[in-house]
Amino acid sequence: MLLRALCQHAAKQSLSTIAIQPVRVLTPCRSVPRISRFRTFAVGPEMPGVELKVMDKLKEKQHAITTVESCTGGRIADLLTNVGGAAQVYWGSVVTYDGSLKSDWGVPAGSIKDIGTVTEQVAGEMAAAGLQRMIDGYNKEKECSDLVEPKGFICVSSTGFAGGAPTPDLSGTCYLGIATSKMNGPVVKKVHADGDSREHRVQHKDYFAEQALQMVMEHL
């Protein structure tokens, strides 16, 4: 009886001393621009964005896609894999941020040494190298693949200055490359994002990635 009374007293005392902590509301860092850094996706067919159109078109044409990215840091791949059923047409990606990895992935070392990595030529070579990697890799290990047997292959690449640049005129500049198994060589497009890339790095990456997917739509 004494033990039970002590337990009941201890329980009442502990409950009376519980303090409810106030909810902390996190405010955006003042260094982050007011532009929203995040996109909102609806469920199902109402999901906005060019990525849904691209994936539908890829499935319709039974084409497989890969990305070789630099300044977008995998953002193109991120958008593609936000769509359900991406495994039917999406082979994979590589972020070739450093020049040595670009070279290892198939970009001629001479191009990088002579003209630099943020150029029209390198963007095209990245796309061409990525396309060949995907075709060879799929054909070598197709029994392990989840892809619906492709009737065509496409690679999109990005290289540019999403954040910081050697000179102000290059800030926000990006070269996007496209290579497909139906084309006789890569196509490159130069795009430019407004604003200081040092302050708008994330927004620039989003813009470059969406422009890359628009370019894919144009070549499907």
Protein backbone atom coordinates (compact mmCIF):
# COMPACT_ATOMS: atom_id res chain seq x y z
CA MET A 1 0.00 0.00 0.00
CA LEU A 2 2.79 2.38 0.89
CA LEU A 3 4.58 1.64 -2.41
CA ARG A 4 1.38 2.27 -4.41
CA ALA A 5 0.80 5.60 -2.64
CA LEU A 6 4.36 6.72 -3.32
CA CYS A 7 4.01 5.84 -7.03
CA GLN A 8 0.73 7.76 -7.34
CA HIS A 9 2.27 10.80 -5.63
CA ALA A 10 5.31 10.69 -7.91
CA ALA A 11 3.12 10.47 -11.03
CA LYS A 12 1.01 13.48 -9.99
CA GLN A 13 4.13 15.49 -9.22
CA SER A 14 5.81 14.67 -12.56
CA LEU A 15 2.68 15.58 -14.53
CA SER A 16 2.43 18.91 -12.75
CA THR A 17 5.97 19.83 -13.70
CA ILE A 18 5.69 19.07 -17.45
CA ALA A 19 6.33 22.26 -19.42
CA ILE A 20 4.83 22.65 -22.91
CA GLN A 21 7.48 24.07 -25.21
CA PRO A 22 6.37 26.72 -27.72
CA VAL A 23 6.48 25.82 -31.43
CA ARG A 24 9.45 27.34 -33.20
CA VAL A 25 8.63 29.00 -36.53
CA LEU A 26 11.62 28.88 -38.85
CA THR A 27 12.02 31.99 -40.96
CA PRO A 28 13.94 32.09 -44.25
CA CYS A 29 17.59 33.06 -44.05
CA ARG A 30 17.94 36.71 -44.99
CA SER A 31 20.62 35.83 -47.54
CA VAL A 32 18.16 33.74 -49.56
CA PRO A 33 16.26 35.68 -52.28
CA ARG A 34 12.53 36.09 -51.84
CA ILE A 35 11.88 33.94 -54.93
CA SER A 36 10.56 30.52 -53.92
CA ARG A 37 13.27 27.88 -53.96
CA PHE A 38 10.83 25.00 -54.07
CA ARG A 39 8.22 23.86 -56.56
CA THR A 40 4.88 22.41 -55.54
CA PHE A 41 3.77 19.26 -57.29
CA ALA A 42 0.17 18.12 -57.53
CA VAL A 43 -0.70 14.43 -57.46
CA GLY A 44 -1.22 12.51 -60.67
CA PRO A 45 -1.89 13.98 -64.12
CA GLU A 46 -2.34 17.53 -62.78
CA MET A 47 1.37 17.77 -61.88
CA PRO A 48 2.78 20.90 -63.56
CA GLY A 49 6.10 21.19 -65.33
CA VAL A 50 7.75 20.30 -68.59
CA GLU A 51 9.17 17.12 -67.02
CA LEU A 52 5.76 15.45 -67.22
CA LYS A 53 5.45 16.29 -70.92
CA VAL A 54 8.96 15.02 -71.57
CA MET A 55 8.36 11.72 -69.80
CA ASP A 56 5.04 11.19 -71.60
CA LYS A 57 6.75 11.84 -74.93
CA LEU A 58 9.65 9.53 -74.12
CA LYS A 59 7.24 6.74 -73.23
CA GLU A 60 5.16 7.38 -76.34
CA LYS A 61 8.20 7.22 -78.62
CA GLN A 62 9.89 4.51 -76.53
CA HIS A 63 13.13 6.49 -76.18
CA ALA A 64 15.58 6.18 -73.28
CA ILE A 65 17.21 9.28 -71.78
CA THR A 66 20.35 10.05 -69.81
CA THR A 67 21.85 13.31 -68.54
CA VAL A 68 25.45 14.47 -68.24
CA GLU A 69 25.34 17.53 -66.01
CA SER A 70 27.75 20.06 -64.64
CA CYS A 71 26.30 23.41 -63.53
CA THR A 72 22.81 21.96 -62.96
CA GLY A 73 24.24 19.51 -60.43
CA GLY A 74 21.76 16.72 -61.17
CA ARG A 75 18.68 19.00 -61.29
CA ILE A 76 17.62 17.71 -64.73
CA ALA A 77 17.75 14.15 -63.42
CA ASP A 78 15.83 15.23 -60.32
CA LEU A 79 12.98 16.65 -62.40
CA LEU A 80 12.78 13.54 -64.58
CA THR A 81 12.66 11.17 -61.63
CA ASN A 82 9.90 13.21 -59.97
CA VAL A 83 7.56 11.63 -62.53
CA GLY A 84 6.07 8.23 -61.83
CA GLY A 85 7.19 5.42 -64.12
CA ALA A 86 10.51 7.09 -64.93
CA ALA A 87 12.27 3.71 -64.82
CA GLN A 88 10.66 2.79 -68.14
CA VAL A 89 12.68 5.42 -70.03
CA TYR A 90 15.29 6.94 -67.68
CA TRP A 91 18.68 5.20 -67.83
CA GLY A 92 20.60 7.31 -65.32
CA SER A 93 22.86 10.34 -64.98
CA VAL A 94 26.30 11.57 -64.05
CA VAL A 95 27.32 14.96 -62.65
CA THR A 96 30.66 15.68 -64.32
CA TYR A 97 31.45 18.76 -62.25
CA ASP A 98 35.23 18.63 -62.54
CA GLY A 99 37.09 18.74 -65.82
CA SER A 100 38.89 15.46 -65.06
CA LEU A 101 35.56 13.64 -64.77
CA LYS A 102 34.33 15.22 -68.00
CA SER A 103 37.45 13.86 -69.65
CA ASP A 104 37.07 10.46 -68.01
CA TRP A 105 33.45 10.32 -69.21
CA GLY A 106 34.50 10.88 -72.82
CA VAL A 107 35.12 14.58 -73.45
CA PRO A 108 38.49 14.98 -75.22
CA ALA A 109 41.07 16.33 -72.78
CA GLY A 110 42.32 18.67 -75.50
CA SER A 111 38.99 20.50 -75.60
CA ILE A 112 39.06 21.12 -71.87
CA LYS A 113 42.70 22.27 -71.85
CA ASP A 114 42.44 24.47 -74.94
CA ILE A 115 39.05 26.18 -74.62
CA GLY A 116 37.77 25.42 -71.10
CA THR A 117 34.75 23.53 -69.84
CA VAL A 118 32.03 26.17 -70.29
CA THR A 119 31.88 26.21 -74.06
CA GLU A 120 29.57 25.18 -76.87
CA GLN A 121 32.03 22.52 -78.00
CA VAL A 122 32.34 20.86 -74.60
CA ALA A 123 28.56 20.85 -74.09
CA GLY A 124 28.19 18.99 -77.39
CA GLU A 125 30.96 16.56 -76.54
CA MET A 126 29.40 15.86 -73.15
CA ALA A 127 26.09 14.99 -74.81
CA ALA A 128 27.74 12.81 -77.45
CA ALA A 129 29.84 10.97 -74.86
CA GLY A 130 26.83 10.41 -72.60
CA LEU A 131 24.78 9.07 -75.50
CA GLN A 132 27.45 6.55 -76.41
CA ARG A 133 27.87 5.50 -72.78
CA MET A 134 24.15 4.82 -72.50
CA ILE A 135 23.93 2.84 -75.75
CA ASP A 136 26.99 0.73 -74.89
CA GLY A 137 25.92 0.23 -71.27
CA TYR A 138 22.37 -0.77 -72.15
CA ASN A 139 23.41 -3.16 -74.90
CA LYS A 140 26.00 -4.78 -72.65
CA GLU A 141 23.67 -5.32 -69.68
CA LYS A 142 20.17 -5.16 -71.17
CA GLU A 143 19.07 -8.31 -69.29
CA CYS A 144 19.49 -6.27 -66.07
CA SER A 145 17.57 -3.25 -67.36
CA ASP A 146 14.10 -2.03 -66.38
CA LEU A 147 13.84 0.10 -69.52
CA VAL A 148 11.08 -0.68 -71.98
CA GLU A 149 13.20 -1.84 -74.93
CA PRO A 150 14.28 1.48 -76.47
CA LYS A 151 13.70 2.41 -80.10
CA GLY A 152 15.94 5.43 -79.65
CA PHE A 153 18.33 7.09 -77.19
CA ILE A 154 18.80 10.71 -76.15
CA CYS A 155 21.29 12.52 -73.92
CA VAL A 156 21.11 16.08 -72.60
CA SER A 157 24.09 17.92 -71.11
CA SER A 158 24.71 21.15 -69.23
CA THR A 159 27.78 23.24 -68.56
CA GLY A 160 27.79 26.84 -67.37
CA PHE A 161 27.97 29.32 -64.53
CA ALA A 162 25.01 28.92 -62.18
CA GLY A 163 26.87 30.59 -59.31
CA GLY A 164 29.81 32.90 -59.85
CA ALA A 165 31.73 33.44 -63.09
CA PRO A 166 35.21 34.63 -64.14
CA THR A 167 33.69 37.80 -65.62
CA PRO A 168 30.32 39.51 -65.05
CA ASP A 169 29.17 38.95 -68.65
CA LEU A 170 29.41 35.17 -68.18
CA SER A 171 27.28 35.14 -65.04
CA GLY A 172 24.11 33.10 -65.63
CA THR A 173 25.40 31.60 -68.89
CA CYS A 174 24.79 27.95 -69.72
CA TYR A 175 25.36 25.72 -72.74
CA LEU A 176 22.91 22.85 -73.17
CA GLY A 177 23.74 19.93 -75.45
CA ILE A 178 21.49 17.32 -77.04
CA ALA A 179 22.60 14.15 -78.80
CA THR A 180 20.27 11.41 -80.04
CA SER A 181 20.64 8.12 -81.85
CA LYS A 182 18.62 9.64 -84.72
CA MET A 183 20.86 12.69 -85.21
CA ASN A 184 24.17 13.08 -87.04
CA GLY A 185 25.84 14.90 -84.17
CA PRO A 186 25.00 16.96 -81.09
CA VAL A 187 23.08 20.25 -81.07
CA VAL A 188 23.97 22.96 -78.56
CA LYS A 189 21.93 25.90 -77.30
CA LYS A 190 23.18 28.84 -75.25
CA VAL A 191 20.82 30.14 -72.57
CA HIS A 192 21.15 33.00 -70.14
CA ALA A 193 19.53 33.59 -66.75
CA ASP A 194 19.11 37.12 -65.43
CA GLY A 195 20.41 38.21 -62.05
CA ASP A 196 23.67 37.85 -60.19
CA SER A 197 24.50 34.13 -60.20
CA ARG A 198 26.19 34.47 -56.80
CA GLU A 199 22.81 35.38 -55.27
CA HIS A 200 20.52 33.31 -57.48
CA ARG A 201 22.42 30.04 -57.91
CA VAL A 202 19.44 27.78 -57.11
CA GLN A 203 17.06 29.72 -59.36
CA HIS A 204 19.59 29.58 -62.19
CA LYS A 205 19.95 25.81 -61.83
CA ASP A 206 16.17 25.42 -61.97
CA TYR A 207 15.98 27.62 -65.06
CA PHE A 208 18.79 25.78 -66.86
CA ALA A 209 17.23 22.40 -66.06
CA GLU A 210 13.82 23.41 -67.35
CA GLN A 211 15.37 24.88 -70.50
CA ALA A 212 17.20 21.59 -71.02
CA LEU A 213 13.93 19.67 -70.84
CA GLN A 214 12.31 22.11 -73.27
CA MET A 215 15.18 21.34 -75.61
CA VAL A 216 14.57 17.61 -75.21
CA MET A 217 10.92 18.15 -76.21
CA GLU A 218 12.06 19.93 -79.37
CA HIS A 219 14.19 16.94 -80.42
CA LEU A 220 11.83 14.07 -79.68
